[in-house]
Protein backbone atom coordinates (compact mmCIF):
# COMPACT_ATOMS: atom_id res chain seq x y z
CA MET A 1 -10.82 5.86 0.14
CA TYR A 2 -7.86 6.85 -1.47
CA TRP A 3 -4.34 5.09 -2.43
CA LEU A 4 -0.92 6.07 -1.22
CA TYR A 5 1.93 6.25 -3.05
CA ARG A 6 5.39 5.71 -1.92
CA PHE A 7 8.10 8.36 -3.14
CA VAL A 8 11.89 8.61 -3.07
CA ILE A 9 13.64 12.27 -1.87
CA GLU A 10 17.24 12.52 -3.36
CA TRP A 11 18.71 15.25 -1.40
CA GLU A 12 22.27 17.19 -1.44
CA LYS A 13 23.54 18.93 1.34
CA GLU A 14 26.78 21.13 1.90
CA GLU A 15 28.86 20.92 4.97
CA LYS A 16 32.06 22.00 6.31
CA ASP A 17 34.47 19.01 7.01
CA PRO A 18 35.44 19.54 10.51
CA LYS A 19 39.17 18.42 10.05
CA THR A 20 39.96 19.94 6.95
CA GLY A 21 37.50 23.35 6.91
CA GLU A 22 36.93 22.41 3.26
CA ARG A 23 32.75 22.31 1.94
CA VAL A 24 31.56 18.47 1.42
CA LEU A 25 28.73 17.63 -0.63
CA LYS A 26 26.68 15.04 1.17
CA GLU A 27 24.13 13.06 -0.54
CA GLY A 28 21.17 10.72 0.86
CA LYS A 29 17.64 9.03 0.19
CA GLU A 30 14.25 9.46 2.02
CA TYR A 31 11.07 7.36 1.53
CA ILE A 32 7.80 9.11 2.09
CA GLU A 33 3.99 8.00 1.25
CA ALA A 34 1.63 10.48 0.04
CA LYS A 35 -1.77 10.58 -2.40
CA ASP A 36 0.06 12.04 -5.22
CA LEU A 37 3.36 13.93 -6.48
CA LYS A 38 2.07 17.15 -5.64
CA GLU A 39 1.43 16.42 -2.12
CA ALA A 40 5.02 14.53 -1.84
CA ARG A 41 6.79 17.84 -3.27
CA ARG A 42 5.11 19.53 -0.32
CA LYS A 43 6.13 16.91 2.30
CA ALA A 44 9.46 16.83 0.67
CA HIS A 45 9.99 21.08 1.02
CA GLU A 46 8.77 20.72 4.50
CA LEU A 47 12.29 18.55 4.87
CA TYR A 48 14.17 20.53 2.69
CA LYS A 49 13.55 23.31 5.23
CA GLN A 50 14.37 21.70 8.19
CA ASN A 51 17.42 19.72 7.12
CA LYS A 52 18.94 22.68 5.63
CA TRP A 53 19.19 20.65 2.15
CA THR A 54 21.15 22.42 -1.15
CA ARG A 55 18.71 20.86 -3.37
CA PHE A 56 16.42 18.10 -3.64
CA LYS A 57 14.48 15.84 -6.04
CA VAL A 58 11.29 13.44 -5.60
CA ASP A 59 10.21 11.10 -7.88
CA TYR A 60 8.06 7.84 -7.34
CA LEU A 61 9.83 4.82 -5.82
CA THR A 62 9.85 2.25 -9.16
CA ALA A 63 12.10 -0.83 -9.73
CA LYS A 64 12.44 -1.31 -13.38
CA ALA A 65 13.43 -4.31 -15.79
CA VAL A 66 14.16 -3.91 -19.69
CA GLY A 67 13.73 -7.12 -21.95
CA LYS A 68 16.20 -6.27 -24.93
CA TYR A 69 16.05 -7.90 -28.36
CA LEU A 70 13.03 -9.90 -27.55
CA ARG A 71 12.36 -12.06 -30.68
CA THR A 72 8.51 -10.84 -31.55
CA SER A 73 7.25 -7.52 -33.46
CA VAL A 74 6.27 -4.31 -31.93
CA LYS A 75 2.93 -5.03 -33.88
CA LYS A 76 2.16 -8.57 -31.41
CA MET A 77 3.44 -7.12 -28.47
CA LYS A 78 1.65 -3.96 -28.02
CA PRO A 79 -1.76 -5.29 -27.63
CA ILE A 80 -0.66 -7.57 -25.07
CA ILE A 81 1.09 -4.81 -22.95
CA ASP A 82 -1.99 -2.65 -23.37
CA LEU A 83 -4.38 -5.06 -21.33
CA ILE A 84 -2.03 -4.96 -18.25
CA ARG A 85 -0.82 -1.55 -18.17
CA GLY A 86 -1.92 0.06 -15.03
CA LYS A 87 -3.25 -2.98 -13.20
CA SER A 88 -1.52 -4.74 -9.93
CA TYR A 89 1.45 -7.17 -10.38
CA ARG A 90 -0.86 -9.98 -9.39
CA GLU A 91 -3.35 -9.30 -11.83
CA ALA A 92 -1.07 -8.63 -14.78
CA ARG A 93 0.30 -11.90 -13.85
CA ASN A 94 -3.41 -13.72 -14.26
CA ILE A 95 -3.84 -11.92 -17.28
CA LEU A 96 -0.59 -13.11 -18.89
CA ALA A 97 -1.26 -16.49 -17.73
CA PHE A 98 -4.04 -16.84 -19.97
CA ILE A 99 -3.16 -15.43 -23.08
CA PRO A 100 -1.77 -18.19 -25.56
CA ARG A 101 0.98 -16.18 -27.34
CA LYS A 102 4.44 -16.10 -27.51
CA ALA A 103 4.75 -11.99 -26.60
CA ALA A 104 2.67 -12.79 -23.62
CA ARG A 105 5.53 -15.47 -22.18
CA LEU A 106 8.13 -12.73 -22.94
CA ALA A 107 6.15 -9.81 -21.42
CA GLU A 108 5.78 -12.56 -17.96
CA LYS A 109 9.32 -12.84 -17.85
CA VAL A 110 10.09 -9.39 -17.87
CA LEU A 111 7.58 -8.41 -15.24
CA ASP A 112 8.97 -11.20 -13.16
CA SER A 113 12.29 -9.49 -13.64
CA ALA A 114 10.77 -6.12 -12.42
CA ALA A 115 8.90 -7.64 -9.04
CA ALA A 116 12.06 -9.44 -8.33
CA ASN A 117 14.09 -6.37 -8.70
CA ALA A 118 11.71 -4.31 -6.74
CA GLU A 119 11.22 -6.94 -3.96
CA ASN A 120 15.32 -7.24 -3.60
CA ASN A 121 17.04 -3.87 -4.15
CA HIS A 122 13.84 -1.52 -3.07
CA ASP A 123 12.24 -3.48 -0.49
CA MET A 124 9.21 -2.87 -1.94
CA ASN A 125 6.22 -5.17 -0.74
CA PHE A 126 5.24 -7.78 -3.50
CA ASP A 127 1.34 -7.28 -2.62
CA ARG A 128 1.58 -3.94 -3.32
CA LEU A 129 2.98 -3.52 -6.74
CA TYR A 130 1.35 -2.19 -9.57
CA ILE A 131 2.78 -1.42 -13.26
CA ARG A 132 3.65 2.20 -13.10
CA GLU A 133 5.04 2.10 -17.05
CA ILE A 134 5.36 -0.30 -19.41
CA TYR A 135 6.26 0.32 -23.17
CA VAL A 136 7.94 -1.39 -26.20
CA ASP A 137 10.33 -0.20 -28.42
CA ARG A 138 11.62 -1.55 -31.71
CA GLY A 139 14.85 -3.26 -31.68
CA PRO A 140 17.15 -3.69 -34.33
CA TYR A 141 16.48 -6.50 -37.30
CA PHE A 142 17.79 -10.06 -37.71
CA LYS A 143 18.40 -10.05 -41.37
CA ARG A 144 18.58 -13.91 -42.80
CA ILE A 145 18.56 -14.96 -46.61
CA ASP A 146 15.73 -16.87 -47.86
CA THR A 147 16.79 -18.68 -50.97
CA LYS A 148 14.07 -18.66 -53.82
CA ALA A 149 13.83 -20.28 -57.64
CA PHE A 150 16.92 -20.38 -60.39
CA GLY A 151 19.22 -19.45 -57.44
CA ARG A 152 18.13 -16.05 -56.39
CA ALA A 153 18.06 -14.98 -52.69
CA THR A 154 15.90 -12.11 -50.72
CA LEU A 155 16.64 -10.89 -47.49
CA LYS A 156 14.52 -11.37 -44.42
CA LYS A 157 14.02 -9.14 -42.17
CA LYS A 158 13.04 -10.92 -38.30
CA PRO A 159 12.20 -7.95 -35.75
CA THR A 160 12.99 -7.73 -32.07
CA VAL A 161 11.90 -5.29 -29.48
CA HIS A 162 12.85 -4.02 -26.07
CA LEU A 163 10.10 -4.02 -23.46
CA THR A 164 10.69 -2.00 -20.46
CA VAL A 165 8.43 -2.19 -17.14
CA LYS A 166 8.35 -0.07 -14.14
CA LEU A 167 6.79 -1.21 -10.71
CA SER A 168 6.11 1.11 -7.94
CA GLU A 169 4.49 0.69 -4.76
CA ARG A 170 0.93 1.65 -3.67
CA ARG A 171 -1.57 0.90 -0.72
CA PHE A 172 -5.29 1.34 -0.50
CA VAL A 173 -6.60 3.61 2.65
CA ARG A 174 -9.89 3.36 4.00
CA SER A 175 -10.84 6.55 5.16
CA LYS A 176 -12.76 6.74 8.53
CA PRO A 177 -16.35 7.25 8.36
CA LYS A 178 -17.35 10.69 9.69
CA ASP A 179 -19.22 9.55 13.03
CA LYS A 180 -15.89 8.16 14.20
CA ILE A 181 -13.97 11.27 13.41
CA GLU A 182 -16.49 13.50 15.45
CA GLU A 183 -16.42 10.97 18.07
CA LYS A 184 -12.99 11.16 18.75
CA ALA A 185 -13.27 14.73 18.64
CA GLY A 186 -15.65 15.02 21.27
CA VAL A 187 -18.63 16.85 19.38
């Protein structure tokens, strides 16, 4: 039993234009499934040799969403995103639904946006999504004036954060029992 991940291969190939005779750079993408990045690179290298690509790059197929200038602090957001890191999309949604915090509502919105991007832009299966990366960065402070006694004023700093969510696709594969493999082999 193991996970199969989806990878994207971005490739370039130089070809001669039949009309002008000039070299033209052709670009494209191919999608493959593999156990890990090492196996994906090996498969991509085989395709590289077959198709005579000039160069190629292999990476996990990811959908990204960024929530910027969210009105909460890093200190409040970090424990919430630590709970859902590495979980499946549905499991993360269930966890966030039962956390009574404003930061959880903000994280939920960004997570939903990433899932919508995955489904609409990358044709990923909604049930196979998992959180590949999630991190929070400090944003700028909103500066406000707080009035004090005797006509004085002090500066209030209201923190903001930028939340980044990257979703990827994986599926669980059950390996066949050894008995059935031997039967098919005729042993």
